[in-house]
Amino acid sequence: MIEFLTTFDIMEKFVSMIEKERIRKNMTQKDLYKASGLSASAYRFFMDTKNTKFENIVNLLFALDLTSKLEELIKLEEFTSLDEIRNEKNKKVPKRVRKGKND
């Protein structure tokens, strides 16, 4: 269960998944970091420390064609018409949360 994992444990799993897929696709580390737009040092830092920006993880997943892993993280809304899309874009979303008197 993910609830029992630390942030480091989760990042370690990302690194493991990325490395396994890189090897399965017969890519060198250089091939992967270039395809993902990372520098050699940024890639090495991530592999060593298990720490990077989420954007770098997304770029690595795209480079490895693992976007299905992203779809599991975020659920995109499905629209059936252009009107639904327009209405969603025009919907006002509150930007602040006010605490009540009892909080």
PDB file of N, CA and C in Angstrom:
ATOM      1  N   MET A   1       0.834  -1.175   0.000  1.00  0.00           N
ATOM      2  CA  MET A   1       0.000   0.000   0.000  1.00  0.00           C
ATOM      3  C   MET A   1       0.884   1.246   0.000  1.00  0.00           C
ATOM      4  N   ILE A   2       0.519   2.198  -0.813  1.00  0.00           N
ATOM      5  CA  ILE A   2       1.320   3.401  -0.958  1.00  0.00           C
ATOM      6  C   ILE A   2       1.339   4.253   0.307  1.00  0.00           C
ATOM      7  N   GLU A   3       0.335   4.096   1.179  1.00  0.00           N
ATOM      8  CA  GLU A   3       0.280   4.888   2.405  1.00  0.00           C
ATOM      9  C   GLU A   3       1.474   4.631   3.316  1.00  0.00           C
ATOM     10  N   PHE A   4       2.083   3.480   3.195  1.00  0.00           N
ATOM     11  CA  PHE A   4       3.202   3.121   4.058  1.00  0.00           C
ATOM     12  C   PHE A   4       4.558   3.448   3.444  1.00  0.00           C
ATOM     13  N   LEU A   5       4.563   4.053   2.273  1.00  0.00           N
ATOM     14  CA  LEU A   5       5.805   4.406   1.604  1.00  0.00           C
ATOM     15  C   LEU A   5       6.185   5.844   1.924  1.00  0.00           C
ATOM     16  N   THR A   6       7.463   6.089   2.025  1.00  0.00           N
ATOM     17  CA  THR A   6       7.941   7.461   2.183  1.00  0.00           C
ATOM     18  C   THR A   6       8.066   8.090   0.797  1.00  0.00           C
ATOM     19  N   THR A   7       8.274   9.385   0.772  1.00  0.00           N
ATOM     20  CA  THR A   7       8.491  10.078  -0.497  1.00  0.00           C
ATOM     21  C   THR A   7       9.693   9.478  -1.215  1.00  0.00           C
ATOM     22  N   PHE A   8      10.749   9.196  -0.469  1.00  0.00           N
ATOM     23  CA  PHE A   8      11.947   8.606  -1.056  1.00  0.00           C
ATOM     24  C   PHE A   8      11.626   7.234  -1.667  1.00  0.00           C
ATOM     25  N   ASP A   9      10.815   6.429  -0.966  1.00  0.00           N
ATOM     26  CA  ASP A   9      10.440   5.105  -1.482  1.00  0.00           C
ATOM     27  C   ASP A   9       9.707   5.222  -2.821  1.00  0.00           C
ATOM     28  N   ILE A  10       8.817   6.184  -2.906  1.00  0.00           N
ATOM     29  CA  ILE A  10       8.054   6.378  -4.140  1.00  0.00           C
ATOM     30  C   ILE A  10       8.979   6.818  -5.265  1.00  0.00           C
ATOM     31  N   MET A  11       9.878   7.747  -4.976  1.00  0.00           N
ATOM     32  CA  MET A  11      10.820   8.198  -5.997  1.00  0.00           C
ATOM     33  C   MET A  11      11.750   7.065  -6.419  1.00  0.00           C
ATOM     34  N   GLU A  12      12.106   6.220  -5.477  1.00  0.00           N
ATOM     35  CA  GLU A  12      12.933   5.050  -5.789  1.00  0.00           C
ATOM     36  C   GLU A  12      12.199   4.132  -6.773  1.00  0.00           C
ATOM     37  N   LYS A  13      10.894   3.987  -6.600  1.00  0.00           N
ATOM     38  CA  LYS A  13      10.097   3.173  -7.518  1.00  0.00           C
ATOM     39  C   LYS A  13      10.058   3.803  -8.909  1.00  0.00           C
ATOM     40  N   PHE A  14       9.961   5.148  -8.975  1.00  0.00           N
ATOM     41  CA  PHE A  14      10.017   5.829 -10.269  1.00  0.00           C
ATOM     42  C   PHE A  14      11.347   5.555 -10.956  1.00  0.00           C
ATOM     43  N   VAL A  15      12.434   5.683 -10.220  1.00  0.00           N
ATOM     44  CA  VAL A  15      13.763   5.445 -10.792  1.00  0.00           C
ATOM     45  C   VAL A  15      13.874   4.015 -11.300  1.00  0.00           C
ATOM     46  N   SER A  16      13.412   3.069 -10.517  1.00  0.00           N
ATOM     47  CA  SER A  16      13.465   1.657 -10.912  1.00  0.00           C
ATOM     48  C   SER A  16      12.651   1.407 -12.182  1.00  0.00           C
ATOM     49  N   MET A  17      11.440   1.957 -12.224  1.00  0.00           N
ATOM     50  CA  MET A  17      10.584   1.777 -13.402  1.00  0.00           C
ATOM     51  C   MET A  17      11.237   2.385 -14.639  1.00  0.00           C
ATOM     52  N   ILE A  18      11.785   3.590 -14.481  1.00  0.00           N
ATOM     53  CA  ILE A  18      12.419   4.275 -15.603  1.00  0.00           C
ATOM     54  C   ILE A  18      13.636   3.502 -16.096  1.00  0.00           C
ATOM     55  N   GLU A  19      14.466   3.040 -15.178  1.00  0.00           N
ATOM     56  CA  GLU A  19      15.665   2.287 -15.573  1.00  0.00           C
ATOM     57  C   GLU A  19      15.305   0.957 -16.243  1.00  0.00           C
ATOM     58  N   LYS A  20      14.332   0.254 -15.715  1.00  0.00           N
ATOM     59  CA  LYS A  20      13.913  -1.023 -16.332  1.00  0.00           C
ATOM     60  C   LYS A  20      13.402  -0.800 -17.745  1.00  0.00           C
ATOM     61  N   GLU A  21      12.598   0.240 -17.920  1.00  0.00           N
ATOM     62  CA  GLU A  21      12.054   0.520 -19.249  1.00  0.00           C
ATOM     63  C   GLU A  21      13.144   0.986 -20.204  1.00  0.00           C
ATOM     64  N   ARG A  22      14.085   1.773 -19.716  1.00  0.00           N
ATOM     65  CA  ARG A  22      15.204   2.231 -20.554  1.00  0.00           C
ATOM     66  C   ARG A  22      15.985   1.036 -21.084  1.00  0.00           C
ATOM     67  N   ILE A  23      16.267   0.099 -20.191  1.00  0.00           N
ATOM     68  CA  ILE A  23      17.024  -1.096 -20.589  1.00  0.00           C
ATOM     69  C   ILE A  23      16.199  -1.970 -21.527  1.00  0.00           C
ATOM     70  N   ARG A  24      14.898  -2.112 -21.223  1.00  0.00           N
ATOM     71  CA  ARG A  24      14.015  -2.914 -22.082  1.00  0.00           C
ATOM     72  C   ARG A  24      13.963  -2.347 -23.492  1.00  0.00           C
ATOM     73  N   LYS A  25      14.027  -1.026 -23.604  1.00  0.00           N
ATOM     74  CA  LYS A  25      13.982  -0.376 -24.918  1.00  0.00           C
ATOM     75  C   LYS A  25      15.368  -0.262 -25.546  1.00  0.00           C
ATOM     76  N   ASN A  26      16.369  -0.836 -24.863  1.00  0.00           N
ATOM     77  CA  ASN A  26      17.738  -0.851 -25.384  1.00  0.00           C
ATOM     78  C   ASN A  26      18.278   0.568 -25.594  1.00  0.00           C
ATOM     79  N   MET A  27      17.965   1.458 -24.657  1.00  0.00           N
ATOM     80  CA  MET A  27      18.450   2.836 -24.724  1.00  0.00           C
ATOM     81  C   MET A  27      19.599   3.006 -23.742  1.00  0.00           C
ATOM     82  N   THR A  28      20.578   3.796 -24.136  1.00  0.00           N
ATOM     83  CA  THR A  28      21.625   4.154 -23.186  1.00  0.00           C
ATOM     84  C   THR A  28      21.082   5.275 -22.298  1.00  0.00           C
ATOM     85  N   GLN A  29      21.775   5.540 -21.195  1.00  0.00           N
ATOM     86  CA  GLN A  29      21.366   6.651 -20.345  1.00  0.00           C
ATOM     87  C   GLN A  29      21.426   7.958 -21.139  1.00  0.00           C
ATOM     88  N   LYS A  30      22.434   8.094 -21.962  1.00  0.00           N
ATOM     89  CA  LYS A  30      22.586   9.290 -22.789  1.00  0.00           C
ATOM     90  C   LYS A  30      21.409   9.436 -23.750  1.00  0.00           C
ATOM     91  N   ASP A  31      21.003   8.325 -24.380  1.00  0.00           N
ATOM     92  CA  ASP A  31      19.833   8.360 -25.274  1.00  0.00           C
ATOM     93  C   ASP A  31      18.616   8.886 -24.525  1.00  0.00           C
ATOM     94  N   LEU A  32      18.423   8.381 -23.304  1.00  0.00           N
ATOM     95  CA  LEU A  32      17.236   8.745 -22.533  1.00  0.00           C
ATOM     96  C   LEU A  32      17.272  10.194 -22.085  1.00  0.00           C
ATOM     97  N   TYR A  33      18.378  10.631 -21.505  1.00  0.00           N
ATOM     98  CA  TYR A  33      18.358  12.013 -21.014  1.00  0.00           C
ATOM     99  C   TYR A  33      18.297  13.010 -22.152  1.00  0.00           C
ATOM    100  N   LYS A  34      18.865  12.681 -23.304  1.00  0.00           N
ATOM    101  CA  LYS A  34      18.744  13.583 -24.457  1.00  0.00           C
ATOM    102  C   LYS A  34      17.309  13.592 -24.982  1.00  0.00           C
ATOM    103  N   ALA A  35      16.683  12.423 -25.072  1.00  0.00           N
ATOM    104  CA  ALA A  35      15.304  12.331 -25.564  1.00  0.00           C
ATOM    105  C   ALA A  35      14.332  13.055 -24.640  1.00  0.00           C
ATOM    106  N   SER A  36      14.660  13.108 -23.359  1.00  0.00           N
ATOM    107  CA  SER A  36      13.760  13.735 -22.387  1.00  0.00           C
ATOM    108  C   SER A  36      14.071  15.212 -22.166  1.00  0.00           C
ATOM    109  N   GLY A  37      15.188  15.695 -22.739  1.00  0.00           N
ATOM    110  CA  GLY A  37      15.540  17.094 -22.590  1.00  0.00           C
ATOM    111  C   GLY A  37      16.287  17.408 -21.307  1.00  0.00           C
ATOM    112  N   LEU A  38      16.700  16.387 -20.580  1.00  0.00           N
ATOM    113  CA  LEU A  38      17.474  16.606 -19.353  1.00  0.00           C
ATOM    114  C   LEU A  38      18.957  16.702 -19.692  1.00  0.00           C
ATOM    115  N   SER A  39      19.681  17.367 -18.829  1.00  0.00           N
ATOM    116  CA  SER A  39      21.131  17.381 -18.978  1.00  0.00           C
ATOM    117  C   SER A  39      21.682  16.104 -18.356  1.00  0.00           C
ATOM    118  N   ALA A  40      22.924  15.797 -18.669  1.00  0.00           N
ATOM    119  CA  ALA A  40      23.558  14.606 -18.092  1.00  0.00           C
ATOM    120  C   ALA A  40      23.598  14.715 -16.574  1.00  0.00           C
ATOM    121  N   SER A  41      23.914  15.905 -16.072  1.00  0.00           N
ATOM    122  CA  SER A  41      24.022  16.070 -14.618  1.00  0.00           C
ATOM    123  C   SER A  41      22.650  15.978 -13.936  1.00  0.00           C
ATOM    124  N   ALA A  42      21.605  16.506 -14.562  1.00  0.00           N
ATOM    125  CA  ALA A  42      20.259  16.429 -13.974  1.00  0.00           C
ATOM    126  C   ALA A  42      19.790  14.973 -13.927  1.00  0.00           C
ATOM    127  N   TYR A  43      20.077  14.241 -14.986  1.00  0.00           N
ATOM    128  CA  TYR A  43      19.691  12.824 -15.025  1.00  0.00           C
ATOM    129  C   TYR A  43      20.451  12.034 -13.951  1.00  0.00           C
ATOM    130  N   ARG A  44      21.751  12.239 -13.874  1.00  0.00           N
ATOM    131  CA  ARG A  44      22.567  11.531 -12.886  1.00  0.00           C
ATOM    132  C   ARG A  44      22.130  11.885 -11.464  1.00  0.00           C
ATOM    133  N   PHE A  45      21.844  13.176 -11.219  1.00  0.00           N
ATOM    134  CA  PHE A  45      21.384  13.616  -9.907  1.00  0.00           C
ATOM    135  C   PHE A  45      20.097  12.885  -9.518  1.00  0.00           C
ATOM    136  N   PHE A  46      19.172  12.773 -10.463  1.00  0.00           N
ATOM    137  CA  PHE A  46      17.918  12.061 -10.200  1.00  0.00           C
ATOM    138  C   PHE A  46      18.166  10.592  -9.897  1.00  0.00           C
ATOM    139  N   MET A  47      19.005   9.958 -10.671  1.00  0.00           N
ATOM    140  CA  MET A  47      19.280   8.536 -10.459  1.00  0.00           C
ATOM    141  C   MET A  47      19.969   8.308  -9.114  1.00  0.00           C
ATOM    142  N   ASP A  48      20.839   9.214  -8.726  1.00  0.00           N
ATOM    143  CA  ASP A  48      21.599   9.051  -7.478  1.00  0.00           C
ATOM    144  C   ASP A  48      20.809   9.434  -6.231  1.00  0.00           C
ATOM    145  N   THR A  49      20.101  10.565  -6.313  1.00  0.00           N
ATOM    146  CA  THR A  49      19.451  11.096  -5.113  1.00  0.00           C
ATOM    147  C   THR A  49      17.966  10.776  -5.025  1.00  0.00           C
ATOM    148  N   LYS A  50      17.393  10.330  -6.128  1.00  0.00           N
ATOM    149  CA  LYS A  50      15.943  10.069  -6.218  1.00  0.00           C
ATOM    150  C   LYS A  50      15.165  11.350  -5.973  1.00  0.00           C
ATOM    151  N   ASN A  51      15.706  12.469  -6.467  1.00  0.00           N
ATOM    152  CA  ASN A  51      15.101  13.771  -6.255  1.00  0.00           C
ATOM    153  C   ASN A  51      15.183  14.579  -7.551  1.00  0.00           C
ATOM    154  N   THR A  52      14.037  15.067  -8.014  1.00  0.00           N
ATOM    155  CA  THR A  52      14.000  15.903  -9.206  1.00  0.00           C
ATOM    156  C   THR A  52      12.659  16.608  -9.272  1.00  0.00           C
ATOM    157  N   LYS A  53      12.530  17.508 -10.221  1.00  0.00           N
ATOM    158  CA  LYS A  53      11.256  18.175 -10.440  1.00  0.00           C
ATOM    159  C   LYS A  53      10.282  17.195 -11.096  1.00  0.00           C
ATOM    160  N   PHE A  54       9.003  17.364 -10.793  1.00  0.00           N
ATOM    161  CA  PHE A  54       7.985  16.505 -11.406  1.00  0.00           C
ATOM    162  C   PHE A  54       8.034  16.625 -12.929  1.00  0.00           C
ATOM    163  N   GLU A  55       8.328  17.812 -13.418  1.00  0.00           N
ATOM    164  CA  GLU A  55       8.433  18.038 -14.860  1.00  0.00           C
ATOM    165  C   GLU A  55       9.464  17.097 -15.489  1.00  0.00           C
ATOM    166  N   ASN A  56      10.577  16.852 -14.805  1.00  0.00           N
ATOM    167  CA  ASN A  56      11.599  15.941 -15.331  1.00  0.00           C
ATOM    168  C   ASN A  56      11.082  14.511 -15.398  1.00  0.00           C
ATOM    169  N   ILE A  57      10.323  14.113 -14.394  1.00  0.00           N
ATOM    170  CA  ILE A  57       9.743  12.765 -14.408  1.00  0.00           C
ATOM    171  C   ILE A  57       8.787  12.628 -15.584  1.00  0.00           C
ATOM    172  N   VAL A  58       7.949  13.647 -15.788  1.00  0.00           N
ATOM    173  CA  VAL A  58       7.006  13.623 -16.906  1.00  0.00           C
ATOM    174  C   VAL A  58       7.755  13.519 -18.226  1.00  0.00           C
ATOM    175  N   ASN A  59       8.817  14.299 -18.384  1.00  0.00           N
ATOM    176  CA  ASN A  59       9.602  14.249 -19.623  1.00  0.00           C
ATOM    177  C   ASN A  59      10.234  12.876 -19.835  1.00  0.00           C
ATOM    178  N   LEU A  60      10.711  12.261 -18.771  1.00  0.00           N
ATOM    179  CA  LEU A  60      11.282  10.915 -18.880  1.00  0.00           C
ATOM    180  C   LEU A  60      10.208   9.905 -19.279  1.00  0.00           C
ATOM    181  N   LEU A  61       9.026  10.013 -18.698  1.00  0.00           N
ATOM    182  CA  LEU A  61       7.935   9.096 -19.043  1.00  0.00           C
ATOM    183  C   LEU A  61       7.515   9.265 -20.498  1.00  0.00           C
ATOM    184  N   PHE A  62       7.476  10.521 -20.983  1.00  0.00           N
ATOM    185  CA  PHE A  62       7.170  10.739 -22.395  1.00  0.00           C
ATOM    186  C   PHE A  62       8.242  10.116 -23.288  1.00  0.00           C
ATOM    187  N   ALA A  63       9.507  10.308 -22.935  1.00  0.00           N
ATOM    188  CA  ALA A  63      10.613   9.780 -23.743  1.00  0.00           C
ATOM    189  C   ALA A  63      10.575   8.258 -23.808  1.00  0.00           C
ATOM    190  N   LEU A  64      10.071   7.632 -22.759  1.00  0.00           N
ATOM    191  CA  LEU A  64      10.000   6.168 -22.709  1.00  0.00           C
ATOM    192  C   LEU A  64       8.640   5.628 -23.163  1.00  0.00           C
ATOM    193  N   ASP A  65       7.780   6.521 -23.619  1.00  0.00           N
ATOM    194  CA  ASP A  65       6.430   6.154 -24.044  1.00  0.00           C
ATOM    195  C   ASP A  65       5.656   5.460 -22.920  1.00  0.00           C
ATOM    196  N   LEU A  66       5.787   6.031 -21.727  1.00  0.00           N
ATOM    197  CA  LEU A  66       5.081   5.508 -20.555  1.00  0.00           C
ATOM    198  C   LEU A  66       3.977   6.467 -20.107  1.00  0.00           C
ATOM    199  N   THR A  67       3.350   7.121 -21.060  1.00  0.00           N
ATOM    200  CA  THR A  67       2.330   8.103 -20.698  1.00  0.00           C
ATOM    201  C   THR A  67       1.119   7.460 -20.029  1.00  0.00           C
ATOM    202  N   SER A  68       0.943   6.172 -20.201  1.00  0.00           N
ATOM    203  CA  SER A  68      -0.170   5.502 -19.517  1.00  0.00           C
ATOM    204  C   SER A  68       0.006   5.597 -18.005  1.00  0.00           C
ATOM    205  N   LYS A  69       1.245   5.679 -17.534  1.00  0.00           N
ATOM    206  CA  LYS A  69       1.498   5.846 -16.100  1.00  0.00           C
ATOM    207  C   LYS A  69       0.983   7.206 -15.626  1.00  0.00           C
ATOM    208  N   LEU A  70       1.060   8.201 -16.501  1.00  0.00           N
ATOM    209  CA  LEU A  70       0.542   9.525 -16.162  1.00  0.00           C
ATOM    210  C   LEU A  70      -0.978   9.524 -16.127  1.00  0.00           C
ATOM    211  N   GLU A  71      -1.581   8.777 -17.039  1.00  0.00           N
ATOM    212  CA  GLU A  71      -3.039   8.704 -17.082  1.00  0.00           C
ATOM    213  C   GLU A  71      -3.597   8.104 -15.797  1.00  0.00           C
ATOM    214  N   GLU A  72      -2.819   7.256 -15.155  1.00  0.00           N
ATOM    215  CA  GLU A  72      -3.244   6.701 -13.875  1.00  0.00           C
ATOM    216  C   GLU A  72      -3.225   7.767 -12.785  1.00  0.00           C
ATOM    217  N   LEU A  73      -2.323   8.745 -12.900  1.00  0.00           N
ATOM    218  CA  LEU A  73      -2.198   9.802 -11.897  1.00  0.00           C
ATOM    219  C   LEU A  73      -3.259  10.885 -12.042  1.00  0.00           C
ATOM    220  N   ILE A  74      -3.572  11.210 -13.284  1.00  0.00           N
ATOM    221  CA  ILE A  74      -4.544  12.272 -13.514  1.00  0.00           C
ATOM    222  C   ILE A  74      -5.658  11.742 -14.394  1.00  0.00           C
ATOM    223  N   LYS A  75      -6.856  12.056 -14.012  1.00  0.00           N
ATOM    224  CA  LYS A  75      -8.001  11.636 -14.806  1.00  0.00           C
ATOM    225  C   LYS A  75      -8.484  12.843 -15.577  1.00  0.00           C
ATOM    226  N   LEU A  76      -8.449  12.749 -16.875  1.00  0.00           N
ATOM    227  CA  LEU A  76      -8.916  13.836 -17.716  1.00  0.00           C
ATOM    228  C   LEU A  76     -10.416  13.716 -17.903  1.00  0.00           C
ATOM    229  N   GLU A  77     -11.094  14.849 -17.855  1.00  0.00           N
ATOM    230  CA  GLU A  77     -12.533  14.828 -18.060  1.00  0.00           C
ATOM    231  C   GLU A  77     -12.832  14.547 -19.521  1.00  0.00           C
ATOM    232  N   GLU A  78     -13.888  13.799 -19.733  1.00  0.00           N
ATOM    233  CA  GLU A  78     -14.313  13.507 -21.095  1.00  0.00           C
ATOM    234  C   GLU A  78     -15.509  14.380 -21.429  1.00  0.00           C
ATOM    235  N   PHE A  79     -15.428  15.032 -22.558  1.00  0.00           N
ATOM    236  CA  PHE A  79     -16.500  15.908 -23.008  1.00  0.00           C
ATOM    237  C   PHE A  79     -17.145  15.303 -24.248  1.00  0.00           C
ATOM    238  N   THR A  80     -18.432  15.583 -24.408  1.00  0.00           N
ATOM    239  CA  THR A  80     -19.143  15.047 -25.569  1.00  0.00           C
ATOM    240  C   THR A  80     -19.471  16.122 -26.591  1.00  0.00           C
ATOM    241  N   SER A  81     -19.219  17.387 -26.250  1.00  0.00           N
ATOM    242  CA  SER A  81     -19.516  18.454 -27.205  1.00  0.00           C
ATOM    243  C   SER A  81     -18.582  19.644 -26.956  1.00  0.00           C
ATOM    244  N   LEU A  82     -18.514  20.506 -27.956  1.00  0.00           N
ATOM    245  CA  LEU A  82     -17.729  21.726 -27.816  1.00  0.00           C
ATOM    246  C   LEU A  82     -18.343  22.647 -26.765  1.00  0.00           C
ATOM    247  N   ASP A  83     -19.670  22.627 -26.651  1.00  0.00           N
ATOM    248  CA  ASP A  83     -20.332  23.453 -25.635  1.00  0.00           C
ATOM    249  C   ASP A  83     -19.894  23.056 -24.234  1.00  0.00           C
ATOM    250  N   GLU A  84     -19.756  21.768 -23.979  1.00  0.00           N
ATOM    251  CA  GLU A  84     -19.292  21.307 -22.668  1.00  0.00           C
ATOM    252  C   GLU A  84     -17.886  21.825 -22.385  1.00  0.00           C
ATOM    253  N   ILE A  85     -17.036  21.813 -23.378  1.00  0.00           N
ATOM    254  CA  ILE A  85     -15.666  22.309 -23.217  1.00  0.00           C
ATOM    255  C   ILE A  85     -15.691  23.806 -22.930  1.00  0.00           C
ATOM    256  N   ARG A  86     -16.475  24.546 -23.695  1.00  0.00           N
ATOM    257  CA  ARG A  86     -16.580  26.000 -23.473  1.00  0.00           C
ATOM    258  C   ARG A  86     -17.113  26.304 -22.078  1.00  0.00           C
ATOM    259  N   ASN A  87     -18.154  25.594 -21.666  1.00  0.00           N
ATOM    260  CA  ASN A  87     -18.738  25.816 -20.346  1.00  0.00           C
ATOM    261  C   ASN A  87     -17.734  25.523 -19.236  1.00  0.00           C
ATOM    262  N   GLU A  88     -16.940  24.489 -19.408  1.00  0.00           N
ATOM    263  CA  GLU A  88     -15.937  24.128 -18.405  1.00  0.00           C
ATOM    264  C   GLU A  88     -14.869  25.213 -18.290  1.00  0.00           C
ATOM    265  N   LYS A  89     -14.462  25.748 -19.426  1.00  0.00           N
ATOM    266  CA  LYS A  89     -13.436  26.799 -19.420  1.00  0.00           C
ATOM    267  C   LYS A  89     -13.959  28.083 -18.788  1.00  0.00           C
ATOM    268  N   ASN A  90     -15.249  28.348 -18.919  1.00  0.00           N
ATOM    269  CA  ASN A  90     -15.834  29.570 -18.383  1.00  0.00           C
ATOM    270  C   ASN A  90     -16.302  29.429 -16.937  1.00  0.00           C
ATOM    271  N   LYS A  91     -16.260  28.219 -16.410  1.00  0.00           N
ATOM    272  CA  LYS A  91     -16.715  27.978 -15.042  1.00  0.00           C
ATOM    273  C   LYS A  91     -15.771  28.666 -14.063  1.00  0.00           C
ATOM    274  N   LYS A  92     -16.350  29.378 -13.104  1.00  0.00           N
ATOM    275  CA  LYS A  92     -15.538  30.048 -12.092  1.00  0.00           C
ATOM    276  C   LYS A  92     -15.203  29.059 -10.988  1.00  0.00           C
ATOM    277  N   VAL A  93     -13.940  28.999 -10.673  1.00  0.00           N
ATOM    278  CA  VAL A  93     -13.465  28.126  -9.602  1.00  0.00           C
ATOM    279  C   VAL A  93     -12.974  29.001  -8.462  1.00  0.00           C
ATOM    280  N   PRO A  94     -13.468  28.761  -7.249  1.00  0.00           N
ATOM    281  CA  PRO A  94     -12.990  29.586  -6.137  1.00  0.00           C
ATOM    282  C   PRO A  94     -11.487  29.431  -5.945  1.00  0.00           C
ATOM    283  N   LYS A  95     -10.827  30.560  -5.678  1.00  0.00           N
ATOM    284  CA  LYS A  95      -9.382  30.528  -5.512  1.00  0.00           C
ATOM    285  C   LYS A  95      -8.970  30.597  -4.052  1.00  0.00           C
ATOM    286  N   ARG A  96      -9.922  30.858  -3.186  1.00  0.00           N
ATOM    287  CA  ARG A  96      -9.617  30.944  -1.761  1.00  0.00           C
ATOM    288  C   ARG A  96     -10.602  30.090  -0.983  1.00  0.00           C
ATOM    289  N   VAL A  97     -10.149  29.664   0.153  1.00  0.00           N
ATOM    290  CA  VAL A  97     -11.011  28.936   1.077  1.00  0.00           C
ATOM    291  C   VAL A  97     -11.033  29.735   2.361  1.00  0.00           C
ATOM    292  N   ARG A  98     -12.203  30.083   2.798  1.00  0.00           N
ATOM    293  CA  ARG A  98     -12.321  30.852   4.044  1.00  0.00           C
ATOM    294  C   ARG A  98     -12.643  29.899   5.174  1.00  0.00           C
ATOM    295  N   LYS A  99     -11.953  30.103   6.266  1.00  0.00           N
ATOM    296  CA  LYS A  99     -12.220  29.289   7.449  1.00  0.00           C
ATOM    297  C   LYS A  99     -13.478  29.803   8.127  1.00  0.00           C
ATOM    298  N   GLY A 100     -14.266  28.866   8.609  1.00  0.00           N
ATOM    299  CA  GLY A 100     -15.474  29.230   9.332  1.00  0.00           C
ATOM    300  C   GLY A 100     -15.163  29.667  10.741  1.00  0.00           C
ATOM    301  N   LYS A 101     -16.185  30.113  11.445  1.00  0.00           N
ATOM    302  CA  LYS A 101     -16.006  30.591  12.818  1.00  0.00           C
ATOM    303  C   LYS A 101     -15.600  29.462  13.754  1.00  0.00           C
ATOM    304  N   ASN A 102     -15.971  28.258  13.438  1.00  0.00           N
ATOM    305  CA  ASN A 102     -15.682  27.110  14.315  1.00  0.00           C
ATOM    306  C   ASN A 102     -14.320  26.483  14.058  1.00  0.00           C
ATOM    307  N   ASP A 103     -13.604  26.971  13.056  1.00  0.00           N
ATOM    308  CA  ASP A 103     -12.292  26.375  12.708  1.00  0.00           C
ATOM    309  C   ASP A 103     -11.184  26.960  13.529  1.00  0.00           C
TER     310      ASP A 103
END
